[in-house]
Amino acid sequence: MEPVTRFEGVAAPLPLDNVDTDQIIPARFLRKPRDAEYQRWFFHDLRFAPDGAVLPGFVLNRPPFDAATILGAGRNFGGGSSREAAVYALQAFGIRAVIAESF
């Protein structure tokens, strides 16, 4: 793997503090296979209603942020359990960089 020296892309603002790994990928999806559908579980409970309908008010459901490769977050992003699936979910959605006050 080569080191990143420069990266450009669409940046999505997620001005939320204390986003934990269970918000990034809820525990009930941890046994899902990491395949082409894995991106669906990323921020699932913020992106979708209980009936599965897309929530248009969530930033990652709106253009151009639905194609974001950079996520700008608040304090304490990714806290909670050390859930490796959260990283896989970020990657599956297409996020390649996270900029946050703290991790």
PDB file of N, CA and C in Angstrom:
ATOM      1  N   MET A   1       0.843  -1.163   0.000  1.00  0.00           N
ATOM      2  CA  MET A   1       0.000   0.000   0.000  1.00  0.00           C
ATOM      3  C   MET A   1       0.895   1.235   0.000  1.00  0.00           C
ATOM      4  N   GLU A   2       0.534   2.202  -0.836  1.00  0.00           N
ATOM      5  CA  GLU A   2       1.298   3.437  -0.910  1.00  0.00           C
ATOM      6  C   GLU A   2       0.742   4.465   0.062  1.00  0.00           C
ATOM      7  N   PRO A   3       1.615   5.293   0.643  1.00  0.00           N
ATOM      8  CA  PRO A   3       1.119   6.333   1.551  1.00  0.00           C
ATOM      9  C   PRO A   3       0.322   7.389   0.787  1.00  0.00           C
ATOM     10  N   VAL A   4      -0.643   7.960   1.453  1.00  0.00           N
ATOM     11  CA  VAL A   4      -1.445   9.027   0.860  1.00  0.00           C
ATOM     12  C   VAL A   4      -0.661  10.322   0.978  1.00  0.00           C
ATOM     13  N   THR A   5      -0.482  10.998  -0.146  1.00  0.00           N
ATOM     14  CA  THR A   5       0.196  12.286  -0.118  1.00  0.00           C
ATOM     15  C   THR A   5      -0.754  13.422  -0.449  1.00  0.00           C
ATOM     16  N   ARG A   6      -1.821  13.101  -1.169  1.00  0.00           N
ATOM     17  CA  ARG A   6      -2.825  14.096  -1.516  1.00  0.00           C
ATOM     18  C   ARG A   6      -4.133  13.366  -1.809  1.00  0.00           C
ATOM     19  N   PHE A   7      -5.216  13.986  -1.388  1.00  0.00           N
ATOM     20  CA  PHE A   7      -6.517  13.367  -1.599  1.00  0.00           C
ATOM     21  C   PHE A   7      -7.533  14.468  -1.851  1.00  0.00           C
ATOM     22  N   GLU A   8      -8.370  14.295  -2.864  1.00  0.00           N
ATOM     23  CA  GLU A   8      -9.444  15.227  -3.173  1.00  0.00           C
ATOM     24  C   GLU A   8     -10.740  14.461  -3.313  1.00  0.00           C
ATOM     25  N   GLY A   9     -11.839  15.091  -2.910  1.00  0.00           N
ATOM     26  CA  GLY A   9     -13.133  14.450  -3.045  1.00  0.00           C
ATOM     27  C   GLY A   9     -14.218  15.308  -2.438  1.00  0.00           C
ATOM     28  N   VAL A  10     -15.435  14.828  -2.543  1.00  0.00           N
ATOM     29  CA  VAL A  10     -16.581  15.507  -1.946  1.00  0.00           C
ATOM     30  C   VAL A  10     -16.534  15.271  -0.443  1.00  0.00           C
ATOM     31  N   ALA A  11     -16.673  16.344   0.328  1.00  0.00           N
ATOM     32  CA  ALA A  11     -16.673  16.243   1.787  1.00  0.00           C
ATOM     33  C   ALA A  11     -18.091  16.460   2.318  1.00  0.00           C
ATOM     34  N   ALA A  12     -18.560  15.526   3.099  1.00  0.00           N
ATOM     35  CA  ALA A  12     -19.896  15.617   3.705  1.00  0.00           C
ATOM     36  C   ALA A  12     -19.768  16.083   5.141  1.00  0.00           C
ATOM     37  N   PRO A  13     -20.537  17.102   5.527  1.00  0.00           N
ATOM     38  CA  PRO A  13     -20.510  17.551   6.925  1.00  0.00           C
ATOM     39  C   PRO A  13     -21.427  16.693   7.791  1.00  0.00           C
ATOM     40  N   LEU A  14     -20.895  16.199   8.867  1.00  0.00           N
ATOM     41  CA  LEU A  14     -21.680  15.453   9.846  1.00  0.00           C
ATOM     42  C   LEU A  14     -21.412  16.100  11.202  1.00  0.00           C
ATOM     43  N   PRO A  15     -22.077  17.213  11.480  1.00  0.00           N
ATOM     44  CA  PRO A  15     -21.766  17.993  12.688  1.00  0.00           C
ATOM     45  C   PRO A  15     -22.370  17.388  13.955  1.00  0.00           C
ATOM     46  N   LEU A  16     -22.027  16.147  14.205  1.00  0.00           N
ATOM     47  CA  LEU A  16     -22.516  15.447  15.394  1.00  0.00           C
ATOM     48  C   LEU A  16     -21.335  15.056  16.272  1.00  0.00           C
ATOM     49  N   ASP A  17     -21.465  15.244  17.571  1.00  0.00           N
ATOM     50  CA  ASP A  17     -20.458  14.782  18.518  1.00  0.00           C
ATOM     51  C   ASP A  17     -20.843  13.399  19.022  1.00  0.00           C
ATOM     52  N   ASN A  18     -19.846  12.670  19.498  1.00  0.00           N
ATOM     53  CA  ASN A  18     -20.053  11.363  20.137  1.00  0.00           C
ATOM     54  C   ASN A  18     -20.741  10.352  19.225  1.00  0.00           C
ATOM     55  N   VAL A  19     -20.323  10.298  17.978  1.00  0.00           N
ATOM     56  CA  VAL A  19     -20.827   9.283  17.051  1.00  0.00           C
ATOM     57  C   VAL A  19     -20.072   7.996  17.354  1.00  0.00           C
ATOM     58  N   ASP A  20     -20.786   7.011  17.887  1.00  0.00           N
ATOM     59  CA  ASP A  20     -20.118   5.770  18.261  1.00  0.00           C
ATOM     60  C   ASP A  20     -20.218   4.723  17.165  1.00  0.00           C
ATOM     61  N   THR A  21     -19.512   3.629  17.383  1.00  0.00           N
ATOM     62  CA  THR A  21     -19.464   2.590  16.349  1.00  0.00           C
ATOM     63  C   THR A  21     -20.819   1.939  16.120  1.00  0.00           C
ATOM     64  N   ASP A  22     -21.705   1.967  17.110  1.00  0.00           N
ATOM     65  CA  ASP A  22     -23.035   1.397  16.903  1.00  0.00           C
ATOM     66  C   ASP A  22     -23.893   2.287  16.014  1.00  0.00           C
ATOM     67  N   GLN A  23     -23.576   3.557  15.921  1.00  0.00           N
ATOM     68  CA  GLN A  23     -24.258   4.432  14.968  1.00  0.00           C
ATOM     69  C   GLN A  23     -23.660   4.231  13.575  1.00  0.00           C
ATOM     70  N   ILE A  24     -22.355   4.032  13.509  1.00  0.00           N
ATOM     71  CA  ILE A  24     -21.696   3.827  12.219  1.00  0.00           C
ATOM     72  C   ILE A  24     -22.193   2.539  11.577  1.00  0.00           C
ATOM     73  N   ILE A  25     -22.271   1.468  12.340  1.00  0.00           N
ATOM     74  CA  ILE A  25     -22.896   0.223  11.885  1.00  0.00           C
ATOM     75  C   ILE A  25     -23.532  -0.458  13.094  1.00  0.00           C
ATOM     76  N   PRO A  26     -24.854  -0.480  13.130  1.00  0.00           N
ATOM     77  CA  PRO A  26     -25.547  -1.091  14.268  1.00  0.00           C
ATOM     78  C   PRO A  26     -25.166  -2.561  14.467  1.00  0.00           C
ATOM     79  N   ALA A  27     -25.131  -2.970  15.721  1.00  0.00           N
ATOM     80  CA  ALA A  27     -24.679  -4.317  16.085  1.00  0.00           C
ATOM     81  C   ALA A  27     -25.441  -5.421  15.354  1.00  0.00           C
ATOM     82  N   ARG A  28     -26.700  -5.195  15.052  1.00  0.00           N
ATOM     83  CA  ARG A  28     -27.489  -6.269  14.413  1.00  0.00           C
ATOM     84  C   ARG A  28     -27.009  -6.602  12.997  1.00  0.00           C
ATOM     85  N   PHE A  29     -26.145  -5.760  12.438  1.00  0.00           N
ATOM     86  CA  PHE A  29     -25.635  -6.023  11.096  1.00  0.00           C
ATOM     87  C   PHE A  29     -24.216  -6.589  11.086  1.00  0.00           C
ATOM     88  N   LEU A  30     -23.656  -6.857  12.238  1.00  0.00           N
ATOM     89  CA  LEU A  30     -22.259  -7.298  12.300  1.00  0.00           C
ATOM     90  C   LEU A  30     -22.018  -8.645  11.641  1.00  0.00           C
ATOM     91  N   ARG A  31     -23.036  -9.452  11.522  1.00  0.00           N
ATOM     92  CA  ARG A  31     -22.867 -10.767  10.892  1.00  0.00           C
ATOM     93  C   ARG A  31     -23.144 -10.749   9.385  1.00  0.00           C
ATOM     94  N   LYS A  32     -23.456  -9.586   8.863  1.00  0.00           N
ATOM     95  CA  LYS A  32     -23.704  -9.481   7.422  1.00  0.00           C
ATOM     96  C   LYS A  32     -22.403  -9.668   6.674  1.00  0.00           C
ATOM     97  N   PRO A  33     -22.446 -10.314   5.519  1.00  0.00           N
ATOM     98  CA  PRO A  33     -21.218 -10.494   4.739  1.00  0.00           C
ATOM     99  C   PRO A  33     -20.724  -9.159   4.184  1.00  0.00           C
ATOM    100  N   ARG A  34     -19.418  -9.020   4.117  1.00  0.00           N
ATOM    101  CA  ARG A  34     -18.837  -7.798   3.552  1.00  0.00           C
ATOM    102  C   ARG A  34     -18.797  -7.946   2.030  1.00  0.00           C
ATOM    103  N   ASP A  35     -19.918  -7.625   1.436  1.00  0.00           N
ATOM    104  CA  ASP A  35     -20.059  -7.725  -0.009  1.00  0.00           C
ATOM    105  C   ASP A  35     -20.557  -6.397  -0.560  1.00  0.00           C
ATOM    106  N   ALA A  36     -21.091  -6.396  -1.757  1.00  0.00           N
ATOM    107  CA  ALA A  36     -21.552  -5.161  -2.407  1.00  0.00           C
ATOM    108  C   ALA A  36     -22.684  -4.490  -1.632  1.00  0.00           C
ATOM    109  N   GLU A  37     -23.406  -5.227  -0.815  1.00  0.00           N
ATOM    110  CA  GLU A  37     -24.511  -4.672  -0.034  1.00  0.00           C
ATOM    111  C   GLU A  37     -24.058  -4.066   1.294  1.00  0.00           C
ATOM    112  N   TYR A  38     -22.805  -4.242   1.671  1.00  0.00           N
ATOM    113  CA  TYR A  38     -22.344  -3.828   2.999  1.00  0.00           C
ATOM    114  C   TYR A  38     -22.506  -2.339   3.243  1.00  0.00           C
ATOM    115  N   GLN A  39     -22.385  -1.533   2.202  1.00  0.00           N
ATOM    116  CA  GLN A  39     -22.528  -0.088   2.363  1.00  0.00           C
ATOM    117  C   GLN A  39     -23.916   0.295   2.866  1.00  0.00           C
ATOM    118  N   ARG A  40     -24.888  -0.552   2.658  1.00  0.00           N
ATOM    119  CA  ARG A  40     -26.262  -0.255   3.112  1.00  0.00           C
ATOM    120  C   ARG A  40     -26.338  -0.142   4.635  1.00  0.00           C
ATOM    121  N   TRP A  41     -25.480  -0.817   5.359  1.00  0.00           N
ATOM    122  CA  TRP A  41     -25.552  -0.828   6.825  1.00  0.00           C
ATOM    123  C   TRP A  41     -24.860   0.392   7.449  1.00  0.00           C
ATOM    124  N   PHE A  42     -24.104   1.135   6.653  1.00  0.00           N
ATOM    125  CA  PHE A  42     -23.391   2.322   7.116  1.00  0.00           C
ATOM    126  C   PHE A  42     -24.389   3.394   7.561  1.00  0.00           C
ATOM    127  N   PHE A  43     -24.308   3.828   8.814  1.00  0.00           N
ATOM    128  CA  PHE A  43     -25.237   4.804   9.398  1.00  0.00           C
ATOM    129  C   PHE A  43     -26.695   4.417   9.129  1.00  0.00           C
ATOM    130  N   HIS A  44     -26.978   3.142   9.145  1.00  0.00           N
ATOM    131  CA  HIS A  44     -28.293   2.634   8.764  1.00  0.00           C
ATOM    132  C   HIS A  44     -29.449   3.320   9.484  1.00  0.00           C
ATOM    133  N   ASP A  45     -29.345   3.439  10.796  1.00  0.00           N
ATOM    134  CA  ASP A  45     -30.476   3.977  11.555  1.00  0.00           C
ATOM    135  C   ASP A  45     -30.633   5.486  11.396  1.00  0.00           C
ATOM    136  N   LEU A  46     -29.626   6.161  10.862  1.00  0.00           N
ATOM    137  CA  LEU A  46     -29.739   7.584  10.553  1.00  0.00           C
ATOM    138  C   LEU A  46     -30.149   7.812   9.105  1.00  0.00           C
ATOM    139  N   ARG A  47     -29.837   6.855   8.231  1.00  0.00           N
ATOM    140  CA  ARG A  47     -30.125   6.997   6.799  1.00  0.00           C
ATOM    141  C   ARG A  47     -31.492   6.465   6.398  1.00  0.00           C
ATOM    142  N   PHE A  48     -32.052   5.525   7.198  1.00  0.00           N
ATOM    143  CA  PHE A  48     -33.297   4.857   6.817  1.00  0.00           C
ATOM    144  C   PHE A  48     -34.317   4.877   7.948  1.00  0.00           C
ATOM    145  N   ALA A  49     -35.575   4.963   7.590  1.00  0.00           N
ATOM    146  CA  ALA A  49     -36.683   4.858   8.541  1.00  0.00           C
ATOM    147  C   ALA A  49     -36.854   3.387   8.927  1.00  0.00           C
ATOM    148  N   PRO A  50     -37.585   3.096   9.993  1.00  0.00           N
ATOM    149  CA  PRO A  50     -37.802   1.695  10.381  1.00  0.00           C
ATOM    150  C   PRO A  50     -38.403   0.828   9.270  1.00  0.00           C
ATOM    151  N   ASP A  51     -39.178   1.431   8.372  1.00  0.00           N
ATOM    152  CA  ASP A  51     -39.764   0.656   7.269  1.00  0.00           C
ATOM    153  C   ASP A  51     -38.816   0.517   6.075  1.00  0.00           C
ATOM    154  N   GLY A  52     -37.596   1.068   6.200  1.00  0.00           N
ATOM    155  CA  GLY A  52     -36.612   0.958   5.129  1.00  0.00           C
ATOM    156  C   GLY A  52     -36.580   2.129   4.168  1.00  0.00           C
ATOM    157  N   ALA A  53     -37.490   3.064   4.323  1.00  0.00           N
ATOM    158  CA  ALA A  53     -37.528   4.240   3.443  1.00  0.00           C
ATOM    159  C   ALA A  53     -36.317   5.130   3.710  1.00  0.00           C
ATOM    160  N   VAL A  54     -35.776   5.686   2.644  1.00  0.00           N
ATOM    161  CA  VAL A  54     -34.642   6.602   2.749  1.00  0.00           C
ATOM    162  C   VAL A  54     -35.095   7.887   3.440  1.00  0.00           C
ATOM    163  N   LEU A  55     -34.298   8.350   4.391  1.00  0.00           N
ATOM    164  CA  LEU A  55     -34.589   9.608   5.090  1.00  0.00           C
ATOM    165  C   LEU A  55     -33.857  10.733   4.367  1.00  0.00           C
ATOM    166  N   PRO A  56     -34.578  11.530   3.575  1.00  0.00           N
ATOM    167  CA  PRO A  56     -33.926  12.550   2.752  1.00  0.00           C
ATOM    168  C   PRO A  56     -33.248  13.655   3.552  1.00  0.00           C
ATOM    169  N   GLY A  57     -33.562  13.800   4.833  1.00  0.00           N
ATOM    170  CA  GLY A  57     -32.947  14.837   5.638  1.00  0.00           C
ATOM    171  C   GLY A  57     -31.534  14.521   6.088  1.00  0.00           C
ATOM    172  N   PHE A  58     -31.119  13.262   5.995  1.00  0.00           N
ATOM    173  CA  PHE A  58     -29.763  12.900   6.436  1.00  0.00           C
ATOM    174  C   PHE A  58     -28.772  13.244   5.336  1.00  0.00           C
ATOM    175  N   VAL A  59     -27.703  13.900   5.717  1.00  0.00           N
ATOM    176  CA  VAL A  59     -26.750  14.473   4.767  1.00  0.00           C
ATOM    177  C   VAL A  59     -26.240  13.455   3.739  1.00  0.00           C
ATOM    178  N   LEU A  60     -25.962  12.238   4.138  1.00  0.00           N
ATOM    179  CA  LEU A  60     -25.392  11.256   3.205  1.00  0.00           C
ATOM    180  C   LEU A  60     -26.425  10.671   2.244  1.00  0.00           C
ATOM    181  N   ASN A  61     -27.676  11.094   2.380  1.00  0.00           N
ATOM    182  CA  ASN A  61     -28.720  10.678   1.445  1.00  0.00           C
ATOM    183  C   ASN A  61     -28.985  11.739   0.388  1.00  0.00           C
ATOM    184  N   ARG A  62     -28.296  12.872   0.462  1.00  0.00           N
ATOM    185  CA  ARG A  62     -28.540  13.989  -0.460  1.00  0.00           C
ATOM    186  C   ARG A  62     -27.327  14.240  -1.345  1.00  0.00           C
ATOM    187  N   PRO A  63     -27.575  14.497  -2.648  1.00  0.00           N
ATOM    188  CA  PRO A  63     -26.472  14.893  -3.519  1.00  0.00           C
ATOM    189  C   PRO A  63     -25.917  16.244  -3.084  1.00  0.00           C
ATOM    190  N   PRO A  64     -24.666  16.501  -3.233  1.00  0.00           N
ATOM    191  CA  PRO A  64     -23.617  15.615  -3.730  1.00  0.00           C
ATOM    192  C   PRO A  64     -23.019  14.736  -2.654  1.00  0.00           C
ATOM    193  N   PHE A  65     -23.542  14.853  -1.418  1.00  0.00           N
ATOM    194  CA  PHE A  65     -22.931  14.157  -0.288  1.00  0.00           C
ATOM    195  C   PHE A  65     -23.144  12.648  -0.314  1.00  0.00           C
ATOM    196  N   ASP A  66     -24.090  12.176  -1.109  1.00  0.00           N
ATOM    197  CA  ASP A  66     -24.285  10.732  -1.230  1.00  0.00           C
ATOM    198  C   ASP A  66     -23.119  10.059  -1.949  1.00  0.00           C
ATOM    199  N   ALA A  67     -22.242  10.863  -2.536  1.00  0.00           N
ATOM    200  CA  ALA A  67     -21.029  10.355  -3.184  1.00  0.00           C
ATOM    201  C   ALA A  67     -19.775  10.847  -2.461  1.00  0.00           C
ATOM    202  N   ALA A  68     -19.920  11.221  -1.202  1.00  0.00           N
ATOM    203  CA  ALA A  68     -18.790  11.752  -0.438  1.00  0.00           C
ATOM    204  C   ALA A  68     -17.699  10.711  -0.252  1.00  0.00           C
ATOM    205  N   THR A  69     -16.473  11.191  -0.280  1.00  0.00           N
ATOM    206  CA  THR A  69     -15.324  10.344   0.031  1.00  0.00           C
ATOM    207  C   THR A  69     -14.599  10.855   1.274  1.00  0.00           C
ATOM    208  N   ILE A  70     -15.040  12.021   1.762  1.00  0.00           N
ATOM    209  CA  ILE A  70     -14.478  12.619   2.974  1.00  0.00           C
ATOM    210  C   ILE A  70     -15.643  12.912   3.913  1.00  0.00           C
ATOM    211  N   LEU A  71     -15.456  12.598   5.182  1.00  0.00           N
ATOM    212  CA  LEU A  71     -16.487  12.854   6.179  1.00  0.00           C
ATOM    213  C   LEU A  71     -15.926  13.810   7.221  1.00  0.00           C
ATOM    214  N   GLY A  72     -16.582  14.954   7.378  1.00  0.00           N
ATOM    215  CA  GLY A  72     -16.199  15.912   8.406  1.00  0.00           C
ATOM    216  C   GLY A  72     -17.112  15.720   9.598  1.00  0.00           C
ATOM    217  N   ALA A  73     -16.553  15.300  10.726  1.00  0.00           N
ATOM    218  CA  ALA A  73     -17.358  14.951  11.896  1.00  0.00           C
ATOM    219  C   ALA A  73     -16.984  15.819  13.090  1.00  0.00           C
ATOM    220  N   GLY A  74     -17.726  15.661  14.172  1.00  0.00           N
ATOM    221  CA  GLY A  74     -17.494  16.419  15.396  1.00  0.00           C
ATOM    222  C   GLY A  74     -16.519  15.719  16.326  1.00  0.00           C
ATOM    223  N   ARG A  75     -16.675  16.006  17.617  1.00  0.00           N
ATOM    224  CA  ARG A  75     -15.795  15.413  18.627  1.00  0.00           C
ATOM    225  C   ARG A  75     -16.151  13.957  18.889  1.00  0.00           C
ATOM    226  N   ASN A  76     -15.129  13.183  19.232  1.00  0.00           N
ATOM    227  CA  ASN A  76     -15.292  11.800  19.663  1.00  0.00           C
ATOM    228  C   ASN A  76     -15.951  10.924  18.604  1.00  0.00           C
ATOM    229  N   PHE A  77     -15.476  11.009  17.384  1.00  0.00           N
ATOM    230  CA  PHE A  77     -16.006  10.182  16.297  1.00  0.00           C
ATOM    231  C   PHE A  77     -15.465   8.760  16.437  1.00  0.00           C
ATOM    232  N   GLY A  78     -16.345   7.783  16.354  1.00  0.00           N
ATOM    233  CA  GLY A  78     -15.940   6.378  16.388  1.00  0.00           C
ATOM    234  C   GLY A  78     -15.695   5.831  17.771  1.00  0.00           C
ATOM    235  N   GLY A  79     -16.180   6.505  18.791  1.00  0.00           N
ATOM    236  CA  GLY A  79     -16.004   6.027  20.161  1.00  0.00           C
ATOM    237  C   GLY A  79     -16.850   4.797  20.428  1.00  0.00           C
ATOM    238  N   GLY A  80     -16.684   4.262  21.608  1.00  0.00           N
ATOM    239  CA  GLY A  80     -17.438   3.071  21.983  1.00  0.00           C
ATOM    240  C   GLY A  80     -16.603   1.821  21.817  1.00  0.00           C
ATOM    241  N   SER A  81     -17.237   0.754  21.428  1.00  0.00           N
ATOM    242  CA  SER A  81     -16.529  -0.517  21.285  1.00  0.00           C
ATOM    243  C   SER A  81     -15.532  -0.441  20.133  1.00  0.00           C
ATOM    244  N   SER A  82     -14.555  -1.293  20.196  1.00  0.00           N
ATOM    245  CA  SER A  82     -13.561  -1.343  19.113  1.00  0.00           C
ATOM    246  C   SER A  82     -14.103  -2.257  18.015  1.00  0.00           C
ATOM    247  N   ARG A  83     -15.043  -1.752  17.277  1.00  0.00           N
ATOM    248  CA  ARG A  83     -15.768  -2.513  16.266  1.00  0.00           C
ATOM    249  C   ARG A  83     -15.122  -2.312  14.908  1.00  0.00           C
ATOM    250  N   GLU A  84     -14.377  -3.312  14.441  1.00  0.00           N
ATOM    251  CA  GLU A  84     -13.707  -3.183  13.145  1.00  0.00           C
ATOM    252  C   GLU A  84     -14.702  -3.041  12.000  1.00  0.00           C
ATOM    253  N   ALA A  85     -15.914  -3.516  12.186  1.00  0.00           N
ATOM    254  CA  ALA A  85     -16.931  -3.404  11.147  1.00  0.00           C
ATOM    255  C   ALA A  85     -17.249  -1.949  10.823  1.00  0.00           C
ATOM    256  N   ALA A  86     -17.048  -1.047  11.770  1.00  0.00           N
ATOM    257  CA  ALA A  86     -17.288   0.377  11.513  1.00  0.00           C
ATOM    258  C   ALA A  86     -16.337   0.884  10.421  1.00  0.00           C
ATOM    259  N   VAL A  87     -15.109   0.434  10.460  1.00  0.00           N
ATOM    260  CA  VAL A  87     -14.143   0.832   9.434  1.00  0.00           C
ATOM    261  C   VAL A  87     -14.540   0.239   8.089  1.00  0.00           C
ATOM    262  N   TYR A  88     -14.951  -1.016   8.093  1.00  0.00           N
ATOM    263  CA  TYR A  88     -15.389  -1.654   6.850  1.00  0.00           C
ATOM    264  C   TYR A  88     -16.613  -0.947   6.275  1.00  0.00           C
ATOM    265  N   ALA A  89     -17.522  -0.499   7.131  1.00  0.00           N
ATOM    266  CA  ALA A  89     -18.722   0.198   6.664  1.00  0.00           C
ATOM    267  C   ALA A  89     -18.361   1.548   6.043  1.00  0.00           C
ATOM    268  N   LEU A  90     -17.461   2.292   6.680  1.00  0.00           N
ATOM    269  CA  LEU A  90     -16.978   3.555   6.106  1.00  0.00           C
ATOM    270  C   LEU A  90     -16.394   3.304   4.714  1.00  0.00           C
ATOM    271  N   GLN A  91     -15.547   2.314   4.626  1.00  0.00           N
ATOM    272  CA  GLN A  91     -14.896   1.990   3.360  1.00  0.00           C
ATOM    273  C   GLN A  91     -15.907   1.531   2.313  1.00  0.00           C
ATOM    274  N   ALA A  92     -16.857   0.705   2.692  1.00  0.00           N
ATOM    275  CA  ALA A  92     -17.850   0.202   1.737  1.00  0.00           C
ATOM    276  C   ALA A  92     -18.692   1.332   1.159  1.00  0.00           C
ATOM    277  N   PHE A  93     -18.988   2.334   1.982  1.00  0.00           N
ATOM    278  CA  PHE A  93     -19.767   3.477   1.505  1.00  0.00           C
ATOM    279  C   PHE A  93     -18.948   4.355   0.563  1.00  0.00           C
ATOM    280  N   GLY A  94     -17.637   4.297   0.687  1.00  0.00           N
ATOM    281  CA  GLY A  94     -16.759   5.096  -0.158  1.00  0.00           C
ATOM    282  C   GLY A  94     -15.989   6.173   0.581  1.00  0.00           C
ATOM    283  N   ILE A  95     -16.132   6.241   1.903  1.00  0.00           N
ATOM    284  CA  ILE A  95     -15.399   7.222   2.698  1.00  0.00           C
ATOM    285  C   ILE A  95     -13.935   6.789   2.770  1.00  0.00           C
ATOM    286  N   ARG A  96     -13.048   7.705   2.391  1.00  0.00           N
ATOM    287  CA  ARG A  96     -11.615   7.411   2.401  1.00  0.00           C
ATOM    288  C   ARG A  96     -10.851   8.242   3.421  1.00  0.00           C
ATOM    289  N   ALA A  97     -11.514   9.279   3.950  1.00  0.00           N
ATOM    290  CA  ALA A  97     -10.872  10.120   4.964  1.00  0.00           C
ATOM    291  C   ALA A  97     -11.935  10.663   5.902  1.00  0.00           C
ATOM    292  N   VAL A  98     -11.590  10.711   7.181  1.00  0.00           N
ATOM    293  CA  VAL A  98     -12.455  11.318   8.192  1.00  0.00           C
ATOM    294  C   VAL A  98     -11.668  12.440   8.849  1.00  0.00           C
ATOM    295  N   ILE A  99     -12.293  13.601   8.897  1.00  0.00           N
ATOM    296  CA  ILE A  99     -11.703  14.746   9.574  1.00  0.00           C
ATOM    297  C   ILE A  99     -12.611  15.049  10.756  1.00  0.00           C
ATOM    298  N   ALA A 100     -12.084  14.948  11.956  1.00  0.00           N
ATOM    299  CA  ALA A 100     -12.871  15.165  13.160  1.00  0.00           C
ATOM    300  C   ALA A 100     -12.002  15.788  14.234  1.00  0.00           C
ATOM    301  N   GLU A 101     -12.648  16.462  15.158  1.00  0.00           N
ATOM    302  CA  GLU A 101     -11.919  17.081  16.260  1.00  0.00           C
ATOM    303  C   GLU A 101     -11.177  16.042  17.088  1.00  0.00           C
ATOM    304  N   SER A 102     -11.812  14.880  17.281  1.00  0.00           N
ATOM    305  CA  SER A 102     -11.159  13.780  17.995  1.00  0.00           C
ATOM    306  C   SER A 102     -11.802  12.476  17.545  1.00  0.00           C
ATOM    307  N   PHE A 103     -11.056  11.396  17.751  1.00  0.00           N
ATOM    308  CA  PHE A 103     -11.500  10.066  17.346  1.00  0.00           C
ATOM    309  C   PHE A 103     -11.571   9.169  18.569  1.00  0.00           C
TER     310      PHE A 103
END
